[in-house]
Amino acid sequence: MGMPITIAIADPGGWGEGLQAAFDELHRIDAVFSPFRPESQIGRINSGLLELDQADPEVKAVLELCRLYQIRCQGYFSVWLGGRLDPSGLVKGWALERAAQILLSAGARNLLVDGAGDILALGEAEPGRPWRVGVRHPREPARTVRVIAAHNLAVATSGTYERGAHIVEPNTGLAAEHWVSLTVTGPDMVEADVLATAACAMGPTGLDFLNTVPGYDGFGIDRELRAHWTAGFEHRLAPARSGADV
């Protein structure tokens, strides 16, 4: 889907076969779900060559999950915009989770999967030390504004700083531009990914919504570069390392 994928495994040993299997699965998912591929099932649905009821069971199951999240997120998460189907807001997190499960099945216990800044961190980076996940400054790519201590944690970010105003507020059809960056942390990669998109689309009330979701927290930066966060977000932060974090 046009995004870089990075996988880090902190366990000793050779992981060539496991990594190959994980990336094979990511390529397979891309071939099925990418809205940018005319031959994918999503591409064929959008072009009218495939009816929804004729799609593969896997596609139907993912779209049903999208429908349930649309209800849960009060309509602010939608895969149908402008008459086109694009489930990327859920499939990205779902694909990262599938890749991680393949590596867990291969015996890995301490790993990090990063898909264009959406991260699933399992186990530890080193014995006794969680993974450190930085929240990037939206205007200064080399600068980190917060560092999250991630142990069995998903971190998903939506906003306008990377791809412009690509998130649409479903009720109005207008671009959602209140947040230049909105990061969600929580135990499940799919849910964190969806919640980041929905909360970004909600605008100023997005963090209020996240405060109602047990186990999930958010950190947002608005257009004036002011930072806002949910009640529990500070508990996710890693201790500062002298000279390491800005």
Protein backbone atom coordinates (compact mmCIF):
# COMPACT_ATOMS: atom_id res chain seq x y z
CA MET A 1 0.00 0.00 0.00
CA GLY A 2 2.96 2.27 -0.65
CA MET A 3 4.38 2.23 2.88
CA PRO A 4 7.73 1.01 4.22
CA ILE A 5 7.70 -1.88 6.71
CA THR A 6 10.47 -2.42 9.25
CA ILE A 7 10.75 -5.44 11.55
CA ALA A 8 13.22 -5.68 14.43
CA ILE A 9 13.72 -8.87 16.45
CA ALA A 10 15.66 -8.64 19.72
CA ASP A 11 15.86 -12.41 20.27
CA PRO A 12 19.09 -14.21 19.35
CA GLY A 13 19.10 -16.68 16.50
CA GLY A 14 18.47 -16.76 12.78
CA TRP A 15 15.10 -15.38 11.70
CA GLY A 16 15.43 -15.50 7.94
CA GLU A 17 12.58 -17.95 7.36
CA GLY A 18 10.27 -16.24 9.84
CA LEU A 19 10.94 -12.82 8.36
CA GLN A 20 10.39 -14.14 4.84
CA ALA A 21 7.06 -15.65 5.89
CA ALA A 22 6.01 -12.38 7.55
CA PHE A 23 6.86 -10.29 4.50
CA ASP A 24 5.22 -12.83 2.18
CA GLU A 25 2.02 -12.38 4.20
CA LEU A 26 2.30 -8.59 3.99
CA HIS A 27 2.70 -8.81 0.20
CA ARG A 28 -0.29 -11.16 -0.01
CA ILE A 29 -2.45 -8.77 2.00
CA ASP A 30 -1.34 -5.89 -0.21
CA ALA A 31 -2.33 -7.86 -3.32
CA VAL A 32 -5.82 -8.44 -1.90
CA PHE A 33 -6.62 -5.16 -0.13
CA SER A 34 -4.63 -2.36 -1.74
CA PRO A 35 -6.93 0.34 -3.17
CA PHE A 36 -4.06 1.38 -5.44
CA ARG A 37 -3.91 -1.94 -7.31
CA PRO A 38 -6.59 -2.28 -10.03
CA GLU A 39 -6.30 -6.08 -9.83
CA SER A 40 -6.80 -6.30 -6.04
CA GLN A 41 -10.20 -7.24 -4.70
CA ILE A 42 -10.66 -3.68 -3.39
CA GLY A 43 -9.61 -2.26 -6.76
CA ARG A 44 -12.05 -4.56 -8.58
CA ILE A 45 -14.88 -3.61 -6.23
CA ASN A 46 -14.19 0.07 -6.89
CA SER A 47 -14.14 -0.47 -10.65
CA GLY A 48 -17.40 -2.44 -10.59
CA LEU A 49 -15.77 -5.70 -11.67
CA LEU A 50 -16.48 -7.46 -8.36
CA GLU A 51 -19.63 -7.35 -6.26
CA LEU A 52 -19.24 -7.20 -2.50
CA ASP A 53 -21.13 -10.45 -2.03
CA GLN A 54 -18.68 -12.16 -4.43
CA ALA A 55 -15.57 -11.08 -2.54
CA ASP A 56 -13.40 -13.58 -0.70
CA PRO A 57 -14.51 -14.50 2.86
CA GLU A 58 -11.43 -12.73 4.24
CA VAL A 59 -12.42 -9.49 2.53
CA LYS A 60 -16.00 -9.78 3.77
CA ALA A 61 -14.76 -10.39 7.33
CA VAL A 62 -12.50 -7.32 7.24
CA LEU A 63 -15.26 -5.12 5.84
CA GLU A 64 -17.64 -6.36 8.52
CA LEU A 65 -15.05 -5.41 11.13
CA CYS A 66 -14.82 -1.98 9.50
CA ARG A 67 -18.61 -1.65 9.77
CA LEU A 68 -18.53 -2.50 13.47
CA TYR A 69 -15.81 0.07 14.10
CA GLN A 70 -17.80 2.67 12.18
CA ILE A 71 -20.63 2.17 14.67
CA ARG A 72 -18.30 2.15 17.67
CA CYS A 73 -16.56 5.34 16.51
CA GLN A 74 -19.87 7.21 16.05
CA GLY A 75 -19.49 7.30 12.27
CA TYR A 76 -16.06 8.96 12.32
CA PHE A 77 -14.38 5.87 10.92
CA SER A 78 -15.63 5.00 7.47
CA VAL A 79 -14.13 3.00 4.61
CA TRP A 80 -16.61 4.39 2.08
CA LEU A 81 -15.79 7.99 1.11
CA GLY A 82 -16.54 9.67 -2.16
CA GLY A 83 -18.12 6.49 -3.48
CA ARG A 84 -14.87 4.51 -3.19
CA LEU A 85 -13.90 1.73 -0.83
CA ASP A 86 -10.63 2.14 1.05
CA PRO A 87 -10.19 -0.05 4.16
CA SER A 88 -6.53 0.96 4.62
CA GLY A 89 -7.28 2.64 7.96
CA LEU A 90 -7.97 -0.79 9.42
CA VAL A 91 -6.04 -3.12 7.13
CA LYS A 92 -2.67 -1.52 7.89
CA GLY A 93 -2.89 -2.37 11.59
CA TRP A 94 -4.44 -5.75 10.81
CA ALA A 95 -1.56 -6.59 8.46
CA LEU A 96 1.08 -5.59 11.03
CA GLU A 97 -0.62 -7.79 13.59
CA ARG A 98 -0.67 -10.73 11.16
CA ALA A 99 3.06 -10.31 10.50
CA ALA A 100 3.80 -10.23 14.23
CA GLN A 101 1.75 -13.38 14.82
CA ILE A 102 3.78 -15.24 12.18
CA LEU A 103 6.99 -14.29 13.97
CA LEU A 104 5.56 -15.27 17.35
CA SER A 105 4.62 -18.65 15.89
CA ALA A 106 8.22 -18.99 14.69
CA GLY A 107 9.44 -18.52 18.25
CA ALA A 108 10.19 -14.80 18.51
CA ARG A 109 9.14 -13.13 21.74
CA ASN A 110 10.72 -9.67 21.59
CA LEU A 111 9.98 -7.84 18.37
CA LEU A 112 8.83 -4.58 16.86
CA VAL A 113 6.88 -4.20 13.62
CA ASP A 114 6.75 -0.69 12.14
CA GLY A 115 4.48 0.20 9.23
CA ALA A 116 5.02 3.83 8.25
CA GLY A 117 5.09 4.91 11.89
CA ASP A 118 2.35 2.61 13.19
CA ILE A 119 4.13 0.30 15.58
CA LEU A 120 3.44 -2.95 17.40
CA ALA A 121 6.06 -3.52 20.10
CA LEU A 122 6.08 -6.92 21.82
CA GLY A 123 8.32 -7.97 24.68
CA GLU A 124 11.46 -5.94 25.30
CA ALA A 125 14.18 -4.28 23.26
CA GLU A 126 16.76 -5.56 25.77
CA PRO A 127 16.34 -7.52 29.01
CA GLY A 128 14.60 -5.21 31.47
CA ARG A 129 14.16 -2.40 28.91
CA PRO A 130 11.00 -1.74 26.90
CA TRP A 131 11.05 -0.56 23.31
CA ARG A 132 11.31 3.23 22.99
CA VAL A 133 8.93 4.70 20.42
CA GLY A 134 9.32 8.37 19.55
CA VAL A 135 6.49 10.73 18.61
CA ARG A 136 7.89 12.83 15.78
CA HIS A 137 7.63 16.60 15.69
CA PRO A 138 5.19 17.32 12.81
CA ARG A 139 7.29 20.15 11.35
CA GLU A 140 10.81 19.01 12.27
CA PRO A 141 11.31 15.38 11.20
CA ALA A 142 14.58 14.93 13.12
CA ARG A 143 13.02 16.04 16.40
CA THR A 144 11.17 13.86 18.90
CA VAL A 145 8.54 15.50 21.13
CA ARG A 146 7.68 12.50 23.34
CA VAL A 147 9.11 9.01 23.83
CA ILE A 148 6.79 6.14 24.73
CA ALA A 149 7.90 3.10 26.72
CA ALA A 150 6.31 0.30 24.69
CA HIS A 151 5.97 -3.20 26.14
CA ASN A 152 3.26 -5.26 24.47
CA LEU A 153 1.85 -2.02 23.14
CA ALA A 154 0.52 -0.67 19.85
CA VAL A 155 1.28 2.92 18.83
CA ALA A 156 -0.61 4.41 15.87
CA THR A 157 -0.40 7.95 14.49
CA SER A 158 -2.69 9.83 12.12
CA GLY A 159 -2.52 13.43 10.96
CA THR A 160 -1.67 15.79 8.14
CA TYR A 161 2.08 16.26 8.53
CA GLU A 162 3.12 13.32 6.31
CA ARG A 163 0.47 13.00 3.59
CA GLY A 164 -1.40 16.29 3.87
CA ALA A 165 -5.12 16.52 4.68
CA HIS A 166 -6.03 12.96 3.65
CA ILE A 167 -8.45 12.19 6.52
CA VAL A 168 -12.03 13.17 5.81
CA GLU A 169 -14.68 14.04 8.37
CA PRO A 170 -17.40 11.60 7.21
CA ASN A 171 -20.38 13.71 8.26
CA THR A 172 -19.31 16.74 6.19
CA GLY A 173 -17.01 15.29 3.53
CA LEU A 174 -14.43 17.98 4.39
CA ALA A 175 -10.80 17.38 5.25
CA ALA A 176 -10.08 16.96 8.96
CA GLU A 177 -7.34 19.49 9.68
CA HIS A 178 -7.55 20.23 13.41
CA TRP A 179 -4.75 17.78 14.31
CA VAL A 180 -1.45 17.79 12.48
CA SER A 181 -0.54 14.70 14.50
CA LEU A 182 -2.58 12.42 16.74
CA THR A 183 -1.02 9.35 18.36
CA VAL A 184 -2.97 6.56 20.06
CA THR A 185 -1.49 3.91 22.35
CA GLY A 186 -3.17 0.70 23.49
CA PRO A 187 -3.00 -3.08 23.61
CA ASP A 188 -4.40 -3.89 20.15
CA MET A 189 -2.83 -2.75 16.86
CA VAL A 190 -6.04 -2.80 14.82
CA GLU A 191 -7.97 -0.84 17.41
CA ALA A 192 -5.20 1.70 17.95
CA ASP A 193 -4.99 2.28 14.18
CA VAL A 194 -8.74 2.74 13.83
CA LEU A 195 -9.00 4.98 16.90
CA ALA A 196 -6.20 7.22 15.65
CA THR A 197 -8.03 7.77 12.36
CA ALA A 198 -11.42 8.30 14.03
CA ALA A 199 -10.12 10.65 16.74
CA CYS A 200 -8.29 12.68 14.10
CA ALA A 201 -11.51 12.98 12.09
CA MET A 202 -13.40 14.10 15.20
CA GLY A 203 -11.25 17.19 15.54
CA PRO A 204 -11.18 18.94 18.94
CA THR A 205 -13.36 16.27 20.59
CA GLY A 206 -11.10 13.39 19.52
CA LEU A 207 -9.16 13.19 22.77
CA ASP A 208 -12.39 13.41 24.79
CA PHE A 209 -13.59 10.35 22.88
CA LEU A 210 -10.34 8.50 23.58
CA ASN A 211 -10.74 9.23 27.29
CA THR A 212 -13.86 7.02 27.18
CA VAL A 213 -12.07 4.00 25.64
CA PRO A 214 -10.57 1.75 28.34
CA GLY A 215 -6.91 0.91 27.85
CA TYR A 216 -6.23 3.53 25.16
CA ASP A 217 -4.64 6.97 25.40
CA GLY A 218 -3.88 9.75 22.97
CA PHE A 219 -1.45 12.58 22.35
CA GLY A 220 -2.35 15.27 19.82
CA ILE A 221 -0.62 18.27 18.28
CA ASP A 222 -2.91 20.90 16.79
CA ARG A 223 -2.26 23.33 13.93
CA GLU A 224 -0.76 25.89 16.34
CA LEU A 225 1.68 23.16 17.49
CA ARG A 226 0.10 22.99 20.92
CA ALA A 227 0.21 19.59 22.59
CA HIS A 228 -2.84 17.94 24.21
CA TRP A 229 -3.17 14.48 25.77
CA THR A 230 -5.54 12.16 27.54
CA ALA A 231 -5.52 11.60 31.28
CA GLY A 232 -3.45 8.41 31.16
CA PHE A 233 -0.96 9.26 28.42
CA GLU A 234 1.82 10.46 30.71
CA HIS A 235 1.98 7.00 32.27
CA ARG A 236 3.07 5.67 28.85
CA LEU A 237 6.15 7.89 28.65
CA ALA A 238 9.68 6.57 28.93
CA PRO A 239 12.15 8.16 31.36
CA ALA A 240 14.27 10.77 29.63
CA ARG A 241 17.81 9.79 28.65
CA SER A 242 20.32 12.59 28.94
CA GLY A 243 21.06 14.04 25.51
CA ALA A 244 18.91 11.47 23.71
CA ASP A 245 15.49 13.09 23.54
CA VAL A 246 14.51 16.60 22.50
